[in-house]
Amino acid sequence: IRLIRRARDADEAQAGLMNRYLLSENQAKAILGMTLRQLTGLEIEKLRTEKTDLNHKIEDLESILASKDRVLGILKTEFLEVKEKFGDDRRTTVELQAYDMEVEDLIPEENVVVTITNTGYIKRVPATVYRTQRRGGKGVTGMETKEEDFVVNLFTASSHDYILFFSSKGQCYWLKTYRIPVGSRYAKGKPIVNLLPRLEPGERILDMIAVREFDPKRTIVFATRLGKIKQTRLDAFKRPNVRGIRAIALNDGDELVEARIADGDPEVILASAGGSANRFSLGEVRAMGRTAAGVRGMRLRKDDRVVSMALVKNEETELLTVLESGYGKRTKVGEYRKTRRGSQGVKTTNMKTGQSPVVAVLEVEPIDELLVTTVGGIVIRCPVEEIRETGRAARGVRIQRLTEGDKVTAVVRLVRPTEEETAVGDAANPSDRQADS
């Protein structure tokens, strides 16, 4: 007390306490912070008691840390107190049964449009990206492509479907739709060889089918450039193989044009670029193994080639024909005289001098919509009902207004979903979608 009173200021008092009594800086400051009453002998007993209590508390805490039983006992007591204060009825159940979680379970199911280009770039885009326009519109950019590249195929599928890829060498490869990278309308996509690494140099993907289940009662129907046709049971393709499997044997100079899923015994319409169409029953084509080459489906004129195939239900079904120039028409199937497999067929459009070739034929209903894509990457979504129904030999009306040098490369049918069916795509079974291109 005398030292503090004689000091000129607090700093001198602090230094004096530290030097004389060998106190730390904090201890000296604590003493200077006390009142005069606390520095008298009356507080000594209180400080001694506090020291004893702190020592006992330290011993108890060290004892807790050294004993696992005491730690668990304290935790249990505290948890019970929390339960008593905040507890309510359990909202979850604990079951003995375990569930296997697949990656697919974490991916939302949605309808998508898959496109592939001439040089093998592929992407998927939500179907809602392409807004509906009136017939004759210009469409919207569906992909930024290089001058030498263009979209050759597009189709709709569910993100949970299997996609069967059919190559120029007659091979079949598998991939889940959700494994195809998502891209914007303008994105080029990713090289398909990155997704199907077993593709050989020079091997191209020529057609694709989206499948949910491999039903043995259904078949895949193949059509080739030189007029061959073949059908094989769908379940022959149910075992995926990273190396791919043989889907069809191709003769020299021939290549796959289209692969379609068939239910029952529909009728087949093979269409050529030169404007011919041959209609016959699929029953004339017996089911064959995967390695078979098929049989003649259409007799072609010189320099003509098959470009598309449609599977139709009956004569009242409407057949849509689309030309490379962007023109199209709807015609009743009944106007196409039914012939036999291997026939030359009848005209599906009047091919005048300079007339653009046929690109696609497909079965449609007035409530459907179309996606039409061009070499320049432009895509238009158009209601089928706006395309006028005409005779078999007519050219039709303009579906898409093309810029100079542009031409239609692929067409896909979008089935308008009902209240019970939200699937988008052309399939007799709502769980399967496939290309109508």
Foldseek 3Di string as FASTA:
>chain_A
DVLVVPDPDLVSSLVVCCVPVVDDSVVSVVVVPDDPVCVDPVVPVVVVVVVVVVVVVVVVVVVCVVDPVSVVVVVVVVVVVCCVVDNDDDPDDDDPDDDDDDPVVVDDKAKWKWWAKPQAFIAIEGPVLFDADAFAAAFAFQEQDDPPMFTQFMFMAIQQWWKWWAKQQQWTAIDRNVVFHHDHSHYRHHHCCVVLVLQDVPIGGQFMWTHHDQDQQKWKWWAKFQQFIAIARSVLCVDHDSNTDGQAHDDPPMGTQYIDMDHDKFWKWWAKQQFFIAIEICVLHDHDHRYYHGGGQAHEDPPITTHEMETDHDQQWWKWWAFFQQFIAIEGNVLFDHDYGHYHGGGQEADDVPGGTIHFMYTDDQQKWKWWAKRNNGIHIYGNVSWYHDHRHHRGGHRHHDDPPMTTNFMFIWDPADPVAPATADDPDSNTHGGRD
